[in-house]
Amino acid sequence: MRKLSNILQLGIKELRSLYRDPALLLLIAYAFTVGVYSSAAGVPEMPHRATIGLVDEDRSQLSIRIASAFQMPYFLPPAPITLEEMDSGMDSARYTFTLNIPPKFQEDVLAGRQPSIQLNVDATQVSQAFTGAGHIQRIIGDEIGEFLQRFRGAAPQPVEAVVRINYNPNLVTSWFGAVNEVINQITLLSIILTGAALIREREHGTIEHLLVMPITPFEIMFAKVWAMALVVLVASAFALRFIVEGWLQVPIPGSIPLFLGGAVLHLFATTSMGIFFGTLARSMPQLGLLIILVLMPLQILSGGVSPRESMPEAVQHIMLLAPTTHFVELAQAILFRGAGASIIWPQLLALAVIGSAFFFGALSRLRKSLH
C-alpha cells in the first residue's frame, strides 16, 4: 500500500507540474484540436465552393446542361461573364476557373468535329486548382457523353465492373486524415510529455530530492507513466468525440472505449520510450532531436501513411517490434471497420508484450542514470 500511495502522490505531482507548464498545455491543446482539424481539412482532396466564370457563346441545350452540372458544395453556380471579363476576373481573384464554350459547340459535337472548350485555372489557388481542373474535365466529359447517347445510343460493354466501396463510400480522405492524426498525436505527445517530465526533474534539481526519499526508481517511473498516459488518453478521447465526430462530422462505426483500451497498452509502451529518451538526453533540445530521429520512421513505416504491404519485407518484419505498427492496425480496425476484441486481440497481446519490454528496459536505464 505504501508503494501504491507513493506512485499515486508522485503522479499527482507530475500532473501539477504539467499544469504549471503553459507551453506543454498549449501543445496538448493545439495537437488534439487545431492539429487534428488542419491535418484533415487543411488541403482538401476535392474542390469546395470553387468559383467559376462561364462564357457561353453557344447558348444551346448542351451548353446549358454543362453549366447546370456544376453544383454545391463542390462549385458555386457559374457566373455568366463575357470574354473581356475572363482575364480581369482571374486577375482580381473573383474566379478560380473560367470556362469558354465556343459558338456552334453543340452542332460540332453532334457532327463529330471534336470541338474544344477553353478552361483557365488560377494556379495561385493551389488547393482548388489541381483537383478542380480534373473534376471540371470529368463533369464536361460525362455530360457530353450522356448527351450523345440520346442520339447515337450507348455502346454495349462486354464486361461491367460493379464497384462497392466499403467504410468510406465517397472516398473522403479527411475521414482517414482525422483519425490518423489522432493516432499520431497519441504517440507524439506521450513520448514528449514523459521525456520532458524527466528532463524537467533534472533541470530543476528535484530528482536529487526524490533520491533521498524512501522512493524507488520503479515508483518514480511508473508515476510519470500513468500521469502522462492519463493526460494523453483524456485528450485523445476529447478529440475523437468533439473534433473528429463533432467538428469534422466523421462517422466512427467502432467502439471508442475499446479503442481507448488499446490506447492504454500503446501508451504503456510509448511513455516508457519517453522515459528512456529522457535518460539519454541531458536537455530539452537533445530530447527533441532524439524524438525527431525516432518518431518519423515510426509514423511513416508503421502503416499510418501507406500500407505496410507496399513496403519491403525486411522493413515489415522489423517494424513488428515497434508498438506503433500494432496500434495503427488496431486503431484502423476499430475506428474504420468496427472490429471487436475477438479480431484485434493479437494486436492487444503484441502491445502488452512490447510495452513490458520497453518499460523494464527504460527502468533499467533509469536506475543506472540515477546512480
Protein backbone atom coordinates (compact mmCIF):
# COMPACT_ATOMS: atom_id res chain seq x y z
CA MET A 1 0.00 0.00 0.00
CA ARG A 2 2.90 2.35 0.68
CA LYS A 3 4.23 1.81 -2.84
CA LEU A 4 0.79 2.46 -4.35
CA SER A 5 0.45 5.61 -2.26
CA ASN A 6 3.88 6.82 -3.40
CA ILE A 7 3.02 6.16 -7.05
CA LEU A 8 -0.29 8.00 -6.68
CA GLN A 9 1.22 11.02 -4.96
CA LEU A 10 4.14 11.23 -7.40
CA GLY A 11 1.71 11.01 -10.32
CA ILE A 12 -0.36 13.84 -8.88
CA LYS A 13 2.88 15.84 -8.54
CA GLU A 14 3.53 15.27 -12.27
CA LEU A 15 0.05 16.48 -13.14
CA ARG A 16 0.59 19.62 -11.06
CA SER A 17 3.94 20.25 -12.76
CA LEU A 18 2.29 19.89 -16.15
CA TYR A 19 -0.47 22.27 -15.10
CA ARG A 20 2.17 24.90 -14.33
CA ASP A 21 3.82 24.50 -17.75
CA PRO A 22 1.80 26.65 -20.20
CA ALA A 23 3.94 25.67 -23.20
CA LEU A 24 3.18 21.96 -22.86
CA LEU A 25 -0.50 22.65 -22.12
CA LEU A 26 -0.72 24.76 -25.27
CA LEU A 27 0.99 21.98 -27.25
CA ILE A 28 -1.53 19.40 -26.00
CA ALA A 29 -4.49 21.67 -26.73
CA TYR A 30 -3.23 22.50 -30.21
CA ALA A 31 -2.29 18.91 -31.13
CA PHE A 32 -5.70 17.44 -30.32
CA THR A 33 -7.84 20.27 -31.68
CA VAL A 34 -6.42 22.52 -34.40
CA GLY A 35 -3.73 19.97 -35.29
CA VAL A 36 -6.30 17.24 -35.95
CA TYR A 37 -8.63 19.56 -37.85
CA SER A 38 -5.93 21.14 -40.02
CA SER A 39 -4.47 17.74 -40.90
CA ALA A 40 -7.87 16.51 -42.04
CA ALA A 41 -9.20 19.63 -43.76
CA GLY A 42 -6.11 21.73 -44.49
CA VAL A 43 -5.63 20.55 -48.08
CA PRO A 44 -8.99 19.42 -49.48
CA GLU A 45 -8.95 16.40 -51.77
CA MET A 46 -11.78 17.89 -53.84
CA PRO A 47 -12.93 21.43 -54.69
CA HIS A 48 -15.14 23.17 -52.16
CA ARG A 49 -17.28 26.15 -53.18
CA ALA A 50 -14.95 26.88 -56.08
CA THR A 51 -15.88 29.91 -58.19
CA ILE A 52 -16.41 29.59 -61.95
CA GLY A 53 -16.87 32.27 -64.59
CA LEU A 54 -18.69 30.95 -67.67
CA VAL A 55 -18.61 32.43 -71.18
CA ASP A 56 -21.43 30.68 -73.04
CA GLU A 57 -21.18 31.67 -76.72
CA ASP A 58 -23.25 28.71 -77.86
CA ARG A 59 -26.35 29.02 -75.64
CA SER A 60 -27.51 25.59 -76.70
CA GLN A 61 -29.12 22.75 -74.82
CA LEU A 62 -25.73 21.11 -74.32
CA SER A 63 -24.01 24.27 -73.01
CA ILE A 64 -26.86 24.89 -70.56
CA ARG A 65 -26.62 21.29 -69.43
CA ILE A 66 -22.87 21.66 -68.79
CA ALA A 67 -23.40 24.89 -66.84
CA SER A 68 -26.07 23.30 -64.61
CA ALA A 69 -23.80 20.32 -63.80
CA PHE A 70 -21.57 22.40 -61.51
CA GLN A 71 -23.31 22.09 -58.16
CA MET A 72 -22.74 22.73 -54.49
CA PRO A 73 -20.81 22.06 -52.36
CA TYR A 74 -18.04 21.48 -54.90
CA PHE A 75 -18.71 24.52 -57.11
CA LEU A 76 -20.67 27.73 -56.74
CA PRO A 77 -23.18 28.32 -59.55
CA PRO A 78 -21.23 29.52 -62.62
CA ALA A 79 -21.32 33.28 -63.06
CA PRO A 80 -22.16 34.37 -66.64
CA ILE A 81 -19.41 36.65 -67.94
CA THR A 82 -18.11 37.99 -71.23
CA LEU A 83 -14.84 37.29 -72.98
CA GLU A 84 -13.47 40.62 -71.80
CA GLU A 85 -14.18 39.72 -68.18
CA MET A 86 -12.29 36.41 -68.21
CA ASP A 87 -8.79 37.82 -67.63
CA SER A 88 -9.89 40.61 -65.30
CA GLY A 89 -11.96 38.18 -63.24
CA MET A 90 -8.99 35.89 -62.67
CA ASP A 91 -6.59 38.80 -62.09
CA SER A 92 -8.85 40.10 -59.32
CA ALA A 93 -9.28 36.54 -57.86
CA ARG A 94 -13.05 36.62 -58.37
CA TYR A 95 -12.93 33.31 -60.23
CA THR A 96 -10.73 30.29 -59.68
CA PHE A 97 -11.83 28.84 -63.04
CA THR A 98 -13.12 30.44 -66.22
CA LEU A 99 -14.78 28.33 -68.90
CA ASN A 100 -15.37 29.38 -72.50
CA ILE A 101 -17.89 27.37 -74.57
CA PRO A 102 -17.41 28.43 -78.23
CA PRO A 103 -20.17 29.16 -80.76
CA LYS A 104 -21.81 26.18 -82.53
CA PHE A 105 -20.43 23.87 -79.85
CA GLN A 106 -23.43 21.53 -79.79
CA GLU A 107 -23.58 21.45 -83.58
CA ASP A 108 -19.89 20.49 -83.81
CA VAL A 109 -20.27 17.81 -81.12
CA LEU A 110 -23.18 16.16 -82.94
CA ALA A 111 -21.25 16.33 -86.22
CA GLY A 112 -18.24 14.61 -84.63
CA ARG A 113 -15.83 17.50 -85.21
CA GLN A 114 -14.32 17.30 -81.69
CA PRO A 115 -14.57 20.98 -80.70
CA SER A 116 -12.52 22.42 -77.85
CA ILE A 117 -13.59 24.15 -74.63
CA GLN A 118 -11.19 26.62 -73.07
CA LEU A 119 -10.62 26.18 -69.33
CA ASN A 120 -8.47 28.71 -67.49
CA VAL A 121 -7.23 27.84 -63.99
CA ASP A 122 -5.93 30.20 -61.32
CA ALA A 123 -2.95 28.17 -60.11
CA THR A 124 -2.37 30.52 -57.16
CA GLN A 125 -5.34 28.78 -55.54
CA VAL A 126 -3.30 25.60 -55.18
CA SER A 127 -5.70 23.56 -53.08
CA GLN A 128 -8.51 24.08 -55.61
CA ALA A 129 -6.60 24.27 -58.89
CA PHE A 130 -5.09 20.79 -59.11
CA THR A 131 -8.18 18.85 -58.08
CA GLY A 132 -10.75 21.25 -59.50
CA ALA A 133 -9.44 21.10 -63.08
CA GLY A 134 -9.76 17.33 -63.10
CA HIS A 135 -13.29 17.50 -61.70
CA ILE A 136 -14.34 20.02 -64.35
CA GLN A 137 -12.93 17.89 -67.19
CA ARG A 138 -14.73 14.83 -65.87
CA ILE A 139 -18.02 16.72 -65.46
CA ILE A 140 -17.84 18.06 -69.02
CA GLY A 141 -16.96 14.62 -70.41
CA ASP A 142 -19.82 12.93 -68.53
CA GLU A 143 -22.38 15.49 -69.64
CA ILE A 144 -21.30 15.30 -73.28
CA GLY A 145 -21.31 11.50 -73.16
CA GLU A 146 -24.84 11.35 -71.73
CA PHE A 147 -25.98 13.96 -74.24
CA LEU A 148 -24.63 11.96 -77.18
CA GLN A 149 -26.24 8.75 -76.01
CA ARG A 150 -29.66 10.18 -76.77
CA PHE A 151 -28.73 10.48 -80.44
CA ARG A 152 -26.26 7.68 -81.09
CA GLY A 153 -27.14 5.17 -78.37
CA ALA A 154 -24.90 3.67 -75.75
CA ALA A 155 -22.23 1.26 -76.88
CA PRO A 156 -22.70 -2.11 -75.15
CA GLN A 157 -19.85 -3.12 -72.85
CA PRO A 158 -18.64 -6.76 -72.87
CA VAL A 159 -17.96 -6.69 -69.12
CA GLU A 160 -19.42 -4.38 -66.50
CA ALA A 161 -17.47 -3.88 -63.29
CA VAL A 162 -19.66 -3.19 -60.26
CA VAL A 163 -17.63 -1.33 -57.63
CA ARG A 164 -18.74 -1.26 -54.00
CA ILE A 165 -16.74 0.97 -51.66
CA ASN A 166 -16.83 -0.06 -48.01
CA TYR A 167 -16.29 2.10 -44.90
CA ASN A 168 -15.84 5.36 -46.86
CA PRO A 169 -18.37 5.37 -49.74
CA ASN A 170 -17.49 8.86 -51.01
CA LEU A 171 -13.71 8.35 -50.67
CA VAL A 172 -13.37 11.39 -48.40
CA THR A 173 -9.72 11.44 -47.42
CA SER A 174 -10.38 13.77 -44.47
CA TRP A 175 -12.03 10.81 -42.72
CA PHE A 176 -8.74 8.95 -42.85
CA GLY A 177 -6.66 12.04 -42.12
CA ALA A 178 -8.56 12.98 -38.96
CA VAL A 179 -8.37 9.55 -37.33
CA ASN A 180 -4.77 9.01 -38.42
CA GLU A 181 -3.75 12.34 -36.93
CA VAL A 182 -5.27 11.41 -33.57
CA ILE A 183 -3.22 8.19 -33.68
CA ASN A 184 -0.04 10.13 -34.50
CA GLN A 185 -0.63 12.70 -31.78
CA ILE A 186 -1.11 9.98 -29.16
CA THR A 187 2.34 8.62 -29.97
CA LEU A 188 3.99 12.03 -30.26
CA LEU A 189 2.59 13.60 -27.09
CA SER A 190 3.10 10.55 -24.89
CA ILE A 191 6.81 10.41 -25.75
CA ILE A 192 7.31 14.17 -25.40
CA LEU A 193 5.45 14.54 -22.10
CA THR A 194 7.20 11.71 -20.28
CA GLY A 195 10.62 12.63 -21.63
CA ALA A 196 10.05 16.28 -20.74
CA ALA A 197 8.88 15.32 -17.25
CA LEU A 198 12.19 13.56 -16.55
CA ILE A 199 14.27 16.35 -18.10
CA ARG A 200 12.33 18.89 -16.04
CA GLU A 201 13.23 16.97 -12.87
CA ARG A 202 16.92 17.17 -13.82
CA GLU A 203 16.84 20.86 -14.72
CA HIS A 204 15.00 21.86 -11.53
CA GLY A 205 17.11 19.61 -9.32
CA THR A 206 14.11 17.83 -7.84
CA ILE A 207 15.38 14.41 -8.96
CA GLU A 208 18.02 14.60 -6.21
CA HIS A 209 15.31 15.37 -3.66
CA LEU A 210 13.41 12.26 -4.72
CA LEU A 211 16.51 10.07 -4.41
CA VAL A 212 17.00 10.89 -0.72
CA MET A 213 13.41 9.91 -0.01
CA PRO A 214 12.25 6.30 0.55
CA ILE A 215 11.17 6.03 -3.09
CA THR A 216 12.38 3.52 -5.66
CA PRO A 217 13.13 4.22 -9.35
CA PHE A 218 10.17 1.95 -10.20
CA GLU A 219 7.81 4.23 -8.31
CA ILE A 220 9.29 7.35 -9.92
CA MET A 221 8.96 5.91 -13.40
CA PHE A 222 5.53 4.35 -13.02
CA ALA A 223 4.15 7.60 -11.60
CA LYS A 224 5.31 9.50 -14.67
CA VAL A 225 3.94 6.80 -16.96
CA TRP A 226 0.41 6.74 -15.54
CA ALA A 227 0.16 10.52 -15.15
CA MET A 228 1.26 11.41 -18.68
CA ALA A 229 -0.67 8.49 -20.18
CA LEU A 230 -3.83 9.72 -18.45
CA VAL A 231 -3.41 13.20 -19.89
CA VAL A 232 -2.94 11.90 -23.43
CA LEU A 233 -5.81 9.42 -23.06
CA VAL A 234 -8.26 12.11 -21.93
CA ALA A 235 -7.11 14.47 -24.72
CA SER A 236 -7.49 11.75 -27.38
CA ALA A 237 -10.99 10.85 -26.14
CA PHE A 238 -11.92 14.55 -26.34
CA ALA A 239 -10.50 14.81 -29.87
CA LEU A 240 -12.43 11.78 -31.12
CA ARG A 241 -15.71 12.90 -29.63
CA PHE A 242 -15.71 16.65 -30.23
CA ILE A 243 -13.21 17.25 -33.06
CA VAL A 244 -13.48 14.14 -35.26
CA GLU A 245 -17.13 13.26 -34.72
CA GLY A 246 -18.43 16.72 -33.82
CA TRP A 247 -16.46 19.31 -35.77
CA LEU A 248 -15.36 17.28 -38.79
CA GLN A 249 -18.53 15.12 -38.89
CA VAL A 250 -16.54 11.91 -39.40
CA PRO A 251 -18.61 8.82 -38.51
CA ILE A 252 -16.87 6.30 -36.24
CA PRO A 253 -18.55 2.89 -36.52
CA GLY A 254 -16.36 1.18 -33.93
CA SER A 255 -16.25 1.25 -30.13
CA ILE A 256 -14.37 4.24 -28.76
CA PRO A 257 -14.00 2.62 -25.28
CA LEU A 258 -12.36 -0.41 -26.94
CA PHE A 259 -10.03 1.90 -28.85
CA LEU A 260 -9.11 3.73 -25.65
CA GLY A 261 -8.41 0.38 -24.01
CA GLY A 262 -5.95 -0.43 -26.78
CA ALA A 263 -4.52 3.09 -26.46
CA VAL A 264 -3.73 2.38 -22.79
CA LEU A 265 -1.46 -0.51 -23.82
CA HIS A 266 0.12 1.63 -26.52
CA LEU A 267 0.71 4.46 -24.06
CA PHE A 268 2.34 1.98 -21.70
CA ALA A 269 4.96 1.40 -24.40
CA THR A 270 5.38 4.95 -25.72
CA THR A 271 5.60 6.60 -22.29
CA SER A 272 8.31 4.08 -21.42
CA MET A 273 10.09 5.13 -24.59
CA GLY A 274 9.84 8.73 -23.44
CA ILE A 275 11.45 7.83 -20.11
CA PHE A 276 14.23 6.02 -21.96
CA PHE A 277 14.91 9.05 -24.17
CA GLY A 278 14.84 11.25 -21.06
CA THR A 279 17.67 9.20 -19.57
CA LEU A 280 19.75 9.61 -22.73
CA ALA A 281 19.17 13.34 -23.24
CA ARG A 282 20.63 15.97 -20.94
CA SER A 283 18.48 18.87 -22.10
CA MET A 284 15.20 19.56 -23.87
CA PRO A 285 16.90 20.32 -27.25
CA GLN A 286 18.64 16.94 -27.14
CA LEU A 287 15.35 15.27 -26.30
CA GLY A 288 13.70 16.97 -29.26
CA LEU A 289 16.40 15.74 -31.66
CA LEU A 290 16.10 12.17 -30.35
CA ILE A 291 12.34 12.21 -30.74
CA ILE A 292 12.58 13.50 -34.32
CA LEU A 293 15.04 10.74 -35.27
CA VAL A 294 12.78 8.03 -33.86
CA LEU A 295 9.28 9.40 -34.42
CA MET A 296 9.47 9.97 -38.18
CA PRO A 297 10.33 6.34 -39.03
CA LEU A 298 7.73 5.11 -36.54
CA GLN A 299 4.95 7.13 -38.15
CA ILE A 300 5.98 6.57 -41.78
CA LEU A 301 6.74 2.83 -41.58
CA SER A 302 4.00 1.74 -39.19
CA GLY A 303 1.25 1.70 -41.84
CA GLY A 304 -0.37 5.00 -40.98
CA VAL A 305 0.85 6.80 -44.10
CA SER A 306 0.97 3.93 -46.60
CA PRO A 307 0.03 0.24 -46.34
CA ARG A 308 2.70 -1.97 -44.84
CA GLU A 309 2.18 -4.47 -47.67
CA SER A 310 3.74 -1.96 -50.10
CA MET A 311 6.98 -1.83 -48.08
CA PRO A 312 9.98 -4.19 -48.41
CA GLU A 313 9.51 -7.41 -46.46
CA ALA A 314 12.56 -6.71 -44.29
CA VAL A 315 11.01 -3.40 -43.17
CA GLN A 316 7.70 -5.11 -42.46
CA HIS A 317 9.37 -7.64 -40.18
CA ILE A 318 11.49 -5.04 -38.38
CA MET A 319 8.51 -2.78 -37.73
CA LEU A 320 6.71 -5.60 -35.92
CA LEU A 321 8.96 -4.71 -32.99
CA ALA A 322 7.50 -1.18 -32.88
CA PRO A 323 4.32 -0.54 -30.86
CA THR A 324 3.05 1.94 -33.44
CA THR A 325 2.65 -0.81 -36.05
CA HIS A 326 0.25 -2.79 -33.90
CA PHE A 327 -1.53 0.31 -32.62
CA VAL A 328 -2.20 1.60 -36.14
CA GLU A 329 -3.62 -1.79 -37.15
CA LEU A 330 -5.74 -1.90 -34.02
CA ALA A 331 -6.99 1.69 -34.34
CA GLN A 332 -7.89 1.39 -38.02
CA ALA A 333 -9.67 -1.92 -37.45
CA ILE A 334 -11.79 -0.45 -34.65
CA LEU A 335 -12.43 3.10 -35.85
CA PHE A 336 -12.81 2.37 -39.58
CA ARG A 337 -14.21 -1.16 -39.74
CA GLY A 338 -15.93 -1.52 -36.37
CA ALA A 339 -13.83 -4.53 -35.31
CA GLY A 340 -14.35 -6.13 -31.91
CA ALA A 341 -11.99 -7.59 -29.34
CA SER A 342 -12.18 -11.02 -30.99
CA ILE A 343 -10.44 -9.58 -34.06
CA ILE A 344 -7.86 -7.25 -32.52
CA TRP A 345 -6.66 -9.47 -29.68
CA PRO A 346 -3.34 -10.26 -31.47
CA GLN A 347 -2.53 -6.54 -31.57
CA LEU A 348 -3.52 -6.14 -27.91
CA LEU A 349 -1.24 -9.02 -26.95
CA ALA A 350 1.64 -7.62 -29.01
CA LEU A 351 1.26 -4.19 -27.41
CA ALA A 352 1.28 -5.73 -23.93
CA VAL A 353 4.48 -7.68 -24.66
CA ILE A 354 6.27 -4.78 -26.39
CA GLY A 355 5.14 -2.35 -23.70
CA SER A 356 6.50 -4.59 -20.95
CA ALA A 357 9.84 -4.89 -22.76
CA PHE A 358 10.10 -1.12 -23.21
CA PHE A 359 9.06 -0.48 -19.61
CA PHE A 360 11.62 -2.74 -18.00
CA GLY A 361 14.31 -1.61 -20.45
CA ALA A 362 13.64 2.03 -19.57
CA LEU A 363 13.52 1.16 -15.86
CA SER A 364 16.95 -0.47 -16.09
CA ARG A 365 18.34 2.58 -17.86
CA LEU A 366 16.74 4.90 -15.31
CA ARG A 367 18.31 3.01 -12.40
CA LYS A 368 21.75 3.31 -13.99
CA SER A 369 21.35 7.01 -14.70
CA LEU A 370 20.29 7.74 -11.11
CA HIS A 371 23.30 6.07 -9.55
